[in-house]
Structure formats: structure tokens, C-alpha cells
All heavy atoms as atom14 arrays in JSON, in Angstrom:
{
  "sequence": "TSTTASIYKVRMANVDASSEGYNRNNKASDICEVNPSFFHIMQQT",
  "atom14_mask": [
    [1, 1, 1, 1, 1, 1, 1, 0, 0, 0, 0, 0, 0, 0],
    [1, 1, 1, 1, 1, 1, 0, 0, 0, 0, 0, 0, 0, 0],
    [1, 1, 1, 1, 1, 1, 1, 0, 0, 0, 0, 0, 0, 0],
    [1, 1, 1, 1, 1, 1, 1, 0, 0, 0, 0, 0, 0, 0],
    [1, 1, 1, 1, 1, 0, 0, 0, 0, 0, 0, 0, 0, 0],
    [1, 1, 1, 1, 1, 1, 0, 0, 0, 0, 0, 0, 0, 0],
    [1, 1, 1, 1, 1, 1, 1, 1, 0, 0, 0, 0, 0, 0],
    [1, 1, 1, 1, 1, 1, 1, 1, 1, 1, 1, 1, 0, 0],
    [1, 1, 1, 1, 1, 1, 1, 1, 1, 0, 0, 0, 0, 0],
    [1, 1, 1, 1, 1, 1, 1, 0, 0, 0, 0, 0, 0, 0],
    [1, 1, 1, 1, 1, 1, 1, 1, 1, 1, 1, 0, 0, 0],
    [1, 1, 1, 1, 1, 1, 1, 1, 0, 0, 0, 0, 0, 0],
    [1, 1, 1, 1, 1, 0, 0, 0, 0, 0, 0, 0, 0, 0],
    [1, 1, 1, 1, 1, 1, 1, 1, 0, 0, 0, 0, 0, 0],
    [1, 1, 1, 1, 1, 1, 1, 0, 0, 0, 0, 0, 0, 0],
    [1, 1, 1, 1, 1, 1, 1, 1, 0, 0, 0, 0, 0, 0],
    [1, 1, 1, 1, 1, 0, 0, 0, 0, 0, 0, 0, 0, 0],
    [1, 1, 1, 1, 1, 1, 0, 0, 0, 0, 0, 0, 0, 0],
    [1, 1, 1, 1, 1, 1, 0, 0, 0, 0, 0, 0, 0, 0],
    [1, 1, 1, 1, 1, 1, 1, 1, 1, 0, 0, 0, 0, 0],
    [1, 1, 1, 1, 0, 0, 0, 0, 0, 0, 0, 0, 0, 0],
    [1, 1, 1, 1, 1, 1, 1, 1, 1, 1, 1, 1, 0, 0],
    [1, 1, 1, 1, 1, 1, 1, 1, 0, 0, 0, 0, 0, 0],
    [1, 1, 1, 1, 1, 1, 1, 1, 1, 1, 1, 0, 0, 0],
    [1, 1, 1, 1, 1, 1, 1, 1, 0, 0, 0, 0, 0, 0],
    [1, 1, 1, 1, 1, 1, 1, 1, 0, 0, 0, 0, 0, 0],
    [1, 1, 1, 1, 1, 1, 1, 1, 1, 0, 0, 0, 0, 0],
    [1, 1, 1, 1, 1, 0, 0, 0, 0, 0, 0, 0, 0, 0],
    [1, 1, 1, 1, 1, 1, 0, 0, 0, 0, 0, 0, 0, 0],
    [1, 1, 1, 1, 1, 1, 1, 1, 0, 0, 0, 0, 0, 0],
    [1, 1, 1, 1, 1, 1, 1, 1, 0, 0, 0, 0, 0, 0],
    [1, 1, 1, 1, 1, 1, 0, 0, 0, 0, 0, 0, 0, 0],
    [1, 1, 1, 1, 1, 1, 1, 1, 1, 0, 0, 0, 0, 0],
    [1, 1, 1, 1, 1, 1, 1, 0, 0, 0, 0, 0, 0, 0],
    [1, 1, 1, 1, 1, 1, 1, 1, 0, 0, 0, 0, 0, 0],
    [1, 1, 1, 1, 1, 1, 1, 0, 0, 0, 0, 0, 0, 0],
    [1, 1, 1, 1, 1, 1, 0, 0, 0, 0, 0, 0, 0, 0],
    [1, 1, 1, 1, 1, 1, 1, 1, 1, 1, 1, 0, 0, 0],
    [1, 1, 1, 1, 1, 1, 1, 1, 1, 1, 1, 0, 0, 0],
    [1, 1, 1, 1, 1, 1, 1, 1, 1, 1, 0, 0, 0, 0],
    [1, 1, 1, 1, 1, 1, 1, 1, 0, 0, 0, 0, 0, 0],
    [1, 1, 1, 1, 1, 1, 1, 1, 0, 0, 0, 0, 0, 0],
    [1, 1, 1, 1, 1, 1, 1, 1, 1, 0, 0, 0, 0, 0],
    [1, 1, 1, 1, 1, 1, 1, 1, 1, 0, 0, 0, 0, 0],
    [1, 1, 1, 1, 1, 1, 1, 0, 0, 0, 0, 0, 0, 0]
  ],
  "atom14_positions": [
    [[134.97, 50.15, 96.45], [136.31, 49.84, 95.96], [136.33, 49.58, 94.45], [137.4, 49.36, 93.88], [136.89, 48.61, 96.69], [136.01, 47.5, 96.51], [137.05, 48.9, 98.17], [0.0, 0.0, 0.0], [0.0, 0.0, 0.0], [0.0, 0.0, 0.0], [0.0, 0.0, 0.0], [0.0, 0.0, 0.0], [0.0, 0.0, 0.0], [0.0, 0.0, 0.0]],
    [[135.16, 49.6, 93.81], [135.11, 49.47, 92.36], [133.94, 50.29, 91.83], [133.12, 50.79, 92.59], [134.96, 48.0, 91.95], [133.62, 47.58, 92.04], [0.0, 0.0, 0.0], [0.0, 0.0, 0.0], [0.0, 0.0, 0.0], [0.0, 0.0, 0.0], [0.0, 0.0, 0.0], [0.0, 0.0, 0.0], [0.0, 0.0, 0.0], [0.0, 0.0, 0.0]],
    [[133.89, 50.42, 90.5], [132.83, 51.21, 89.88], [131.58, 50.39, 89.58], [130.67, 50.87, 88.89], [133.35, 51.83, 88.57], [133.79, 50.78, 87.69], [134.51, 52.78, 88.84], [0.0, 0.0, 0.0], [0.0, 0.0, 0.0], [0.0, 0.0, 0.0], [0.0, 0.0, 0.0], [0.0, 0.0, 0.0], [0.0, 0.0, 0.0], [0.0, 0.0, 0.0]],
    [[131.5, 49.19, 90.1], [130.32, 48.35, 89.91], [129.07, 49.07, 90.41], [129.07, 49.61, 91.52], [130.48, 47.03, 90.67], [131.65, 46.36, 90.21], [129.27, 46.14, 90.48], [0.0, 0.0, 0.0], [0.0, 0.0, 0.0], [0.0, 0.0, 0.0], [0.0, 0.0, 0.0], [0.0, 0.0, 0.0], [0.0, 0.0, 0.0], [0.0, 0.0, 0.0]],
    [[128.03, 49.09, 89.61], [126.78, 49.72, 90.03], [126.22, 49.0, 91.24], [126.0, 47.79, 91.22], [125.77, 49.71, 88.89], [0.0, 0.0, 0.0], [0.0, 0.0, 0.0], [0.0, 0.0, 0.0], [0.0, 0.0, 0.0], [0.0, 0.0, 0.0], [0.0, 0.0, 0.0], [0.0, 0.0, 0.0], [0.0, 0.0, 0.0], [0.0, 0.0, 0.0]],
    [[126.0, 49.76, 92.32], [125.55, 49.18, 93.58], [124.6, 50.14, 94.27], [124.49, 51.32, 93.9], [126.74, 48.9, 94.51], [127.7, 48.07, 93.89], [0.0, 0.0, 0.0], [0.0, 0.0, 0.0], [0.0, 0.0, 0.0], [0.0, 0.0, 0.0], [0.0, 0.0, 0.0], [0.0, 0.0, 0.0], [0.0, 0.0, 0.0], [0.0, 0.0, 0.0]],
    [[123.92, 49.64, 95.29], [123.15, 50.48, 96.21], [123.55, 50.09, 97.62], [123.53, 48.91, 97.98], [121.64, 50.33, 96.02], [121.2, 50.84, 94.63], [120.88, 51.08, 97.11], [119.72, 50.69, 94.35], [0.0, 0.0, 0.0], [0.0, 0.0, 0.0], [0.0, 0.0, 0.0], [0.0, 0.0, 0.0], [0.0, 0.0, 0.0], [0.0, 0.0, 0.0]],
    [[123.93, 51.08, 98.43], [124.27, 50.87, 99.83], [123.26, 51.63, 100.69], [122.89, 52.76, 100.37], [125.67, 51.38, 100.14], [126.79, 50.63, 99.46], [127.26, 51.05, 98.22], [127.38, 49.53, 100.05], [128.3, 50.37, 97.59], [128.42, 48.85, 99.43], [128.87, 49.27, 98.19], [129.89, 48.6, 97.57], [0.0, 0.0, 0.0], [0.0, 0.0, 0.0]],
    [[122.86, 50.98, 101.77], [121.88, 51.57, 102.69], [122.51, 51.73, 104.07], [123.23, 50.84, 104.54], [120.65, 50.67, 102.78], [119.57, 51.14, 103.74], [118.39, 50.17, 103.73], [117.35, 50.49, 104.78], [116.22, 49.55, 104.77], [0.0, 0.0, 0.0], [0.0, 0.0, 0.0], [0.0, 0.0, 0.0], [0.0, 0.0, 0.0], [0.0, 0.0, 0.0]],
    [[122.23, 52.86, 104.72], [122.79, 53.15, 106.04], [121.69, 53.67, 106.96], [120.84, 54.47, 106.55], [123.92, 54.2, 105.94], [124.41, 54.6, 107.34], [125.09, 53.67, 105.11], [0.0, 0.0, 0.0], [0.0, 0.0, 0.0], [0.0, 0.0, 0.0], [0.0, 0.0, 0.0], [0.0, 0.0, 0.0], [0.0, 0.0, 0.0], [0.0, 0.0, 0.0]],
    [[121.75, 53.19, 108.19], [120.89, 53.72, 109.26], [121.76, 54.03, 110.46], [122.66, 53.27, 110.8], [119.83, 52.69, 109.65], [119.07, 53.07, 110.93], [118.19, 51.93, 111.42], [117.65, 52.23, 112.74], [117.63, 51.38, 113.76], [118.13, 50.16, 113.61], [117.14, 51.73, 114.92], [0.0, 0.0, 0.0], [0.0, 0.0, 0.0], [0.0, 0.0, 0.0]],
    [[121.52, 55.17, 111.11], [122.14, 55.45, 112.4], [121.1, 55.16, 113.48], [120.02, 55.74, 113.5], [122.59, 56.91, 112.51], [123.54, 57.18, 113.69], [122.76, 57.27, 115.33], [122.21, 58.96, 115.34], [0.0, 0.0, 0.0], [0.0, 0.0, 0.0], [0.0, 0.0, 0.0], [0.0, 0.0, 0.0], [0.0, 0.0, 0.0], [0.0, 0.0, 0.0]],
    [[121.42, 54.2, 114.36], [120.51, 53.8, 115.43], [120.92, 54.54, 116.7], [121.98, 54.27, 117.26], [120.56, 52.3, 115.63], [0.0, 0.0, 0.0], [0.0, 0.0, 0.0], [0.0, 0.0, 0.0], [0.0, 0.0, 0.0], [0.0, 0.0, 0.0], [0.0, 0.0, 0.0], [0.0, 0.0, 0.0], [0.0, 0.0, 0.0], [0.0, 0.0, 0.0]],
    [[120.08, 55.43, 117.16], [120.41, 56.25, 118.33], [119.98, 55.54, 119.61], [119.25, 56.08, 120.44], [119.71, 57.61, 118.22], [120.16, 58.56, 119.31], [121.31, 58.51, 119.75], [119.26, 59.44, 119.73], [0.0, 0.0, 0.0], [0.0, 0.0, 0.0], [0.0, 0.0, 0.0], [0.0, 0.0, 0.0], [0.0, 0.0, 0.0], [0.0, 0.0, 0.0]],
    [[120.45, 54.3, 119.77], [120.09, 53.49, 120.93], [121.29, 52.61, 121.3], [122.25, 52.48, 120.54], [118.87, 52.58, 120.65], [117.61, 53.41, 120.42], [119.13, 51.67, 119.47], [0.0, 0.0, 0.0], [0.0, 0.0, 0.0], [0.0, 0.0, 0.0], [0.0, 0.0, 0.0], [0.0, 0.0, 0.0], [0.0, 0.0, 0.0], [0.0, 0.0, 0.0]],
    [[121.21, 52.0, 122.47], [122.16, 50.97, 122.86], [121.94, 49.76, 121.96], [120.81, 49.28, 121.81], [121.92, 50.61, 124.33], [122.95, 49.65, 124.89], [123.42, 48.76, 124.16], [123.27, 49.76, 126.09], [0.0, 0.0, 0.0], [0.0, 0.0, 0.0], [0.0, 0.0, 0.0], [0.0, 0.0, 0.0], [0.0, 0.0, 0.0], [0.0, 0.0, 0.0]],
    [[123.01, 49.27, 121.36], [122.88, 48.13, 120.44], [122.23, 46.92, 121.11], [121.54, 46.14, 120.45], [124.25, 47.75, 119.88], [0.0, 0.0, 0.0], [0.0, 0.0, 0.0], [0.0, 0.0, 0.0], [0.0, 0.0, 0.0], [0.0, 0.0, 0.0], [0.0, 0.0, 0.0], [0.0, 0.0, 0.0], [0.0, 0.0, 0.0], [0.0, 0.0, 0.0]],
    [[122.42, 46.78, 122.42], [121.82, 45.63, 123.12], [120.3, 45.65, 123.04], [119.66, 44.6, 123.04], [122.27, 45.63, 124.59], [123.67, 45.45, 124.7], [0.0, 0.0, 0.0], [0.0, 0.0, 0.0], [0.0, 0.0, 0.0], [0.0, 0.0, 0.0], [0.0, 0.0, 0.0], [0.0, 0.0, 0.0], [0.0, 0.0, 0.0], [0.0, 0.0, 0.0]],
    [[119.72, 46.84, 122.96], [118.26, 46.95, 122.93], [117.67, 46.42, 121.64], [116.47, 46.17, 121.55], [117.83, 48.4, 123.15], [118.17, 49.2, 122.02], [0.0, 0.0, 0.0], [0.0, 0.0, 0.0], [0.0, 0.0, 0.0], [0.0, 0.0, 0.0], [0.0, 0.0, 0.0], [0.0, 0.0, 0.0], [0.0, 0.0, 0.0], [0.0, 0.0, 0.0]],
    [[118.51, 46.24, 120.61], [118.03, 45.71, 119.34], [118.57, 44.3, 119.08], [118.53, 43.81, 117.95], [118.4, 46.66, 118.2], [117.66, 47.99, 118.3], [117.79, 48.85, 117.06], [118.38, 48.38, 116.06], [117.29, 50.0, 117.08], [0.0, 0.0, 0.0], [0.0, 0.0, 0.0], [0.0, 0.0, 0.0], [0.0, 0.0, 0.0], [0.0, 0.0, 0.0]],
    [[119.09, 43.66, 120.13], [119.5, 42.27, 120.02], [120.97, 42.05, 119.75], [121.4, 40.91, 119.55], [0.0, 0.0, 0.0], [0.0, 0.0, 0.0], [0.0, 0.0, 0.0], [0.0, 0.0, 0.0], [0.0, 0.0, 0.0], [0.0, 0.0, 0.0], [0.0, 0.0, 0.0], [0.0, 0.0, 0.0], [0.0, 0.0, 0.0], [0.0, 0.0, 0.0]],
    [[121.78, 43.13, 119.78], [123.23, 43.0, 119.54], [123.95, 43.24, 120.87], [124.47, 44.33, 121.12], [123.68, 43.99, 118.47], [122.77, 44.02, 117.26], [122.05, 45.17, 116.93], [122.62, 42.9, 116.45], [121.21, 45.21, 115.83], [121.79, 42.93, 115.34], [121.08, 44.08, 115.04], [120.25, 44.11, 113.94], [0.0, 0.0, 0.0], [0.0, 0.0, 0.0]],
    [[123.96, 42.23, 121.7], [124.4, 42.33, 123.1], [125.84, 42.83, 123.18], [126.79, 42.16, 122.79], [124.28, 40.97, 123.78], [124.46, 41.05, 125.28], [125.07, 41.98, 125.8], [123.93, 40.07, 125.98], [0.0, 0.0, 0.0], [0.0, 0.0, 0.0], [0.0, 0.0, 0.0], [0.0, 0.0, 0.0], [0.0, 0.0, 0.0], [0.0, 0.0, 0.0]],
    [[126.02, 44.01, 123.76], [127.36, 44.6, 123.86], [128.26, 43.84, 124.82], [129.49, 44.01, 124.78], [127.26, 46.06, 124.29], [126.65, 46.98, 123.25], [126.72, 48.45, 123.66], [126.12, 48.68, 124.95], [126.79, 48.94, 126.07], [128.11, 48.97, 126.07], [126.14, 49.15, 127.21], [0.0, 0.0, 0.0], [0.0, 0.0, 0.0], [0.0, 0.0, 0.0]],
    [[127.68, 43.05, 125.68], [128.5, 42.26, 126.6], [129.12, 41.04, 125.93], [130.05, 40.44, 126.47], [127.66, 41.81, 127.81], [127.23, 42.98, 128.66], [128.01, 43.91, 128.89], [125.99, 42.97, 129.13], [0.0, 0.0, 0.0], [0.0, 0.0, 0.0], [0.0, 0.0, 0.0], [0.0, 0.0, 0.0], [0.0, 0.0, 0.0], [0.0, 0.0, 0.0]],
    [[128.6, 40.66, 124.77], [129.18, 39.55, 124.01], [130.22, 40.13, 123.06], [129.9, 40.6, 121.97], [128.1, 38.81, 123.22], [127.11, 38.1, 124.12], [127.37, 37.91, 125.31], [125.98, 37.72, 123.57], [0.0, 0.0, 0.0], [0.0, 0.0, 0.0], [0.0, 0.0, 0.0], [0.0, 0.0, 0.0], [0.0, 0.0, 0.0], [0.0, 0.0, 0.0]],
    [[131.47, 40.11, 123.49], [132.51, 40.78, 122.72], [133.81, 39.99, 122.79], [134.05, 39.24, 123.75], [132.74, 42.2, 123.24], [133.07, 42.3, 124.71], [133.1, 43.75, 125.18], [133.57, 43.89, 126.63], [132.64, 43.29, 127.58], [0.0, 0.0, 0.0], [0.0, 0.0, 0.0], [0.0, 0.0, 0.0], [0.0, 0.0, 0.0], [0.0, 0.0, 0.0]],
    [[134.63, 40.16, 121.77], [135.92, 39.48, 121.72], [136.82, 39.99, 122.83], [136.62, 41.09, 123.37], [136.57, 39.71, 120.35], [0.0, 0.0, 0.0], [0.0, 0.0, 0.0], [0.0, 0.0, 0.0], [0.0, 0.0, 0.0], [0.0, 0.0, 0.0], [0.0, 0.0, 0.0], [0.0, 0.0, 0.0], [0.0, 0.0, 0.0], [0.0, 0.0, 0.0]],
    [[137.85, 39.22, 123.17], [138.7, 39.53, 124.32], [139.49, 40.82, 124.15], [139.91, 41.43, 125.13], [139.66, 38.37, 124.59], [140.5, 38.15, 123.46], [0.0, 0.0, 0.0], [0.0, 0.0, 0.0], [0.0, 0.0, 0.0], [0.0, 0.0, 0.0], [0.0, 0.0, 0.0], [0.0, 0.0, 0.0], [0.0, 0.0, 0.0], [0.0, 0.0, 0.0]],
    [[139.7, 41.25, 122.9], [140.46, 42.49, 122.69], [139.58, 43.73, 122.71], [140.06, 44.84, 122.47], [141.25, 42.42, 121.38], [140.35, 42.28, 120.16], [139.21, 41.8, 120.31], [140.79, 42.64, 119.06], [0.0, 0.0, 0.0], [0.0, 0.0, 0.0], [0.0, 0.0, 0.0], [0.0, 0.0, 0.0], [0.0, 0.0, 0.0], [0.0, 0.0, 0.0]],
    [[138.28, 43.56, 122.99], [137.36, 44.69, 123.09], [137.0, 44.9, 124.56], [136.53, 43.99, 125.23], [136.09, 44.45, 122.27], [136.42, 44.36, 120.78], [135.07, 45.57, 122.51], [135.22, 44.08, 119.9], [0.0, 0.0, 0.0], [0.0, 0.0, 0.0], [0.0, 0.0, 0.0], [0.0, 0.0, 0.0], [0.0, 0.0, 0.0], [0.0, 0.0, 0.0]],
    [[137.22, 46.12, 125.02], [136.82, 46.48, 126.38], [135.37, 46.96, 126.43], [134.62, 46.58, 127.3], [137.76, 47.58, 126.9], [137.17, 48.46, 128.36], [0.0, 0.0, 0.0], [0.0, 0.0, 0.0], [0.0, 0.0, 0.0], [0.0, 0.0, 0.0], [0.0, 0.0, 0.0], [0.0, 0.0, 0.0], [0.0, 0.0, 0.0], [0.0, 0.0, 0.0]],
    [[134.99, 47.79, 125.43], [133.66, 48.38, 125.45], [133.19, 48.63, 124.03], [133.97, 49.01, 123.16], [133.65, 49.7, 126.24], [132.29, 50.34, 126.37], [132.31, 51.66, 127.12], [133.41, 52.16, 127.42], [131.22, 52.2, 127.38], [0.0, 0.0, 0.0], [0.0, 0.0, 0.0], [0.0, 0.0, 0.0], [0.0, 0.0, 0.0], [0.0, 0.0, 0.0]],
    [[131.89, 48.41, 123.81], [131.22, 48.76, 122.57], [130.38, 50.0, 122.84], [129.69, 50.07, 123.87], [130.35, 47.6, 122.06], [129.6, 48.0, 120.78], [131.2, 46.36, 121.81], [0.0, 0.0, 0.0], [0.0, 0.0, 0.0], [0.0, 0.0, 0.0], [0.0, 0.0, 0.0], [0.0, 0.0, 0.0], [0.0, 0.0, 0.0], [0.0, 0.0, 0.0]],
    [[130.43, 50.96, 121.96], [129.72, 52.24, 122.15], [128.27, 52.02, 122.57], [127.49, 51.41, 121.83], [129.77, 53.03, 120.84], [129.13, 54.4, 120.95], [128.77, 54.85, 122.03], [129.0, 55.08, 119.82], [0.0, 0.0, 0.0], [0.0, 0.0, 0.0], [0.0, 0.0, 0.0], [0.0, 0.0, 0.0], [0.0, 0.0, 0.0], [0.0, 0.0, 0.0]],
    [[127.87, 52.51, 123.75], [126.5, 52.29, 124.21], [125.51, 53.32, 123.7], [124.3, 53.16, 123.89], [126.64, 52.41, 125.74], [127.75, 53.4, 125.92], [128.71, 53.15, 124.79], [0.0, 0.0, 0.0], [0.0, 0.0, 0.0], [0.0, 0.0, 0.0], [0.0, 0.0, 0.0], [0.0, 0.0, 0.0], [0.0, 0.0, 0.0], [0.0, 0.0, 0.0]],
    [[125.99, 54.38, 123.05], [125.12, 55.51, 122.69], [124.45, 55.35, 121.33], [123.3, 55.74, 121.15], [125.93, 56.82, 122.71], [126.46, 57.06, 124.0], [0.0, 0.0, 0.0], [0.0, 0.0, 0.0], [0.0, 0.0, 0.0], [0.0, 0.0, 0.0], [0.0, 0.0, 0.0], [0.0, 0.0, 0.0], [0.0, 0.0, 0.0], [0.0, 0.0, 0.0]],
    [[125.17, 54.81, 120.37], [124.61, 54.67, 119.02], [125.44, 53.68, 118.24], [126.56, 53.33, 118.61], [124.55, 56.01, 118.29], [125.9, 56.61, 117.98], [126.55, 56.33, 116.78], [126.53, 57.45, 118.89], [127.79, 56.87, 116.5], [127.78, 57.99, 118.61], [128.41, 57.7, 117.41], [0.0, 0.0, 0.0], [0.0, 0.0, 0.0], [0.0, 0.0, 0.0]],
    [[124.88, 53.21, 117.13], [125.62, 52.38, 116.19], [125.01, 52.57, 114.81], [123.97, 53.22, 114.66], [125.61, 50.9, 116.61], [124.25, 50.24, 116.56], [123.9, 49.4, 115.53], [123.32, 50.45, 117.57], [122.67, 48.77, 115.48], [122.08, 49.83, 117.54], [121.75, 48.98, 116.48], [0.0, 0.0, 0.0], [0.0, 0.0, 0.0], [0.0, 0.0, 0.0]],
    [[125.67, 52.06, 113.79], [125.17, 52.15, 112.42], [124.86, 50.75, 111.89], [125.47, 49.78, 112.32], [126.2, 52.8, 111.5], [126.44, 54.26, 111.77], [127.21, 54.71, 112.82], [125.99, 55.37, 111.13], [127.23, 56.03, 112.82], [126.51, 56.46, 111.8], [0.0, 0.0, 0.0], [0.0, 0.0, 0.0], [0.0, 0.0, 0.0], [0.0, 0.0, 0.0]],
    [[123.92, 50.7, 110.98], [123.68, 49.47, 110.23], [123.89, 49.78, 108.76], [123.32, 50.74, 108.22], [122.27, 48.91, 110.48], [122.17, 48.39, 111.91], [121.95, 47.79, 109.5], [120.86, 47.74, 112.26], [0.0, 0.0, 0.0], [0.0, 0.0, 0.0], [0.0, 0.0, 0.0], [0.0, 0.0, 0.0], [0.0, 0.0, 0.0], [0.0, 0.0, 0.0]],
    [[124.75, 48.99, 108.11], [125.07, 49.2, 106.71], [124.82, 47.92, 105.93], [125.03, 46.82, 106.44], [126.53, 49.62, 106.55], [126.9, 50.91, 107.26], [128.61, 51.4, 106.89], [128.74, 52.87, 107.92], [0.0, 0.0, 0.0], [0.0, 0.0, 0.0], [0.0, 0.0, 0.0], [0.0, 0.0, 0.0], [0.0, 0.0, 0.0], [0.0, 0.0, 0.0]],
    [[124.44, 48.09, 104.66], [124.24, 46.93, 103.8], [124.29, 47.34, 102.34], [123.75, 48.39, 101.95], [122.89, 46.25, 104.08], [122.68, 44.98, 103.27], [121.39, 44.27, 103.6], [120.55, 44.78, 104.34], [121.2, 43.08, 103.05], [0.0, 0.0, 0.0], [0.0, 0.0, 0.0], [0.0, 0.0, 0.0], [0.0, 0.0, 0.0], [0.0, 0.0, 0.0]],
    [[124.95, 46.52, 101.53], [124.83, 46.66, 100.09], [123.57, 45.91, 99.7], [123.48, 44.69, 99.81], [126.04, 46.07, 99.37], [125.95, 46.22, 97.86], [127.1, 45.54, 97.13], [128.08, 45.13, 97.74], [126.98, 45.43, 95.82], [0.0, 0.0, 0.0], [0.0, 0.0, 0.0], [0.0, 0.0, 0.0], [0.0, 0.0, 0.0], [0.0, 0.0, 0.0]],
    [[122.57, 46.64, 99.24], [121.26, 46.04, 98.97], [121.05, 45.69, 97.51], [120.06, 45.02, 97.17], [120.13, 46.99, 99.42], [120.26, 48.23, 98.71], [120.21, 47.26, 100.92], [0.0, 0.0, 0.0], [0.0, 0.0, 0.0], [0.0, 0.0, 0.0], [0.0, 0.0, 0.0], [0.0, 0.0, 0.0], [0.0, 0.0, 0.0], [0.0, 0.0, 0.0]]
  ]
}
């Protein structure tokens, strides 16, 4: 959103998020399902 010099890192995890400690069953009431096939991890490093 700005021209500030930054570095962003992305990984696509081709696994169920629960297998890496992000339990898909722990979800807010407005969420029915979290994608079980893959997820991304992003960070401004």
C-alpha cells in the first residue's frame, strides 16, 4: 500500500493446515469450513 522498501515472503503449504498446528476445527462462528487442501503463509520480513 506504499512505496516503502520492504521484503515479503510467501509459502504455499500443500497440506491440511491442522497438520502444521493450525487446527481447522478452531474457527469463528461465521466460518463453516477452512480449506483442507492447502494454505499460504505470508510475512513482511
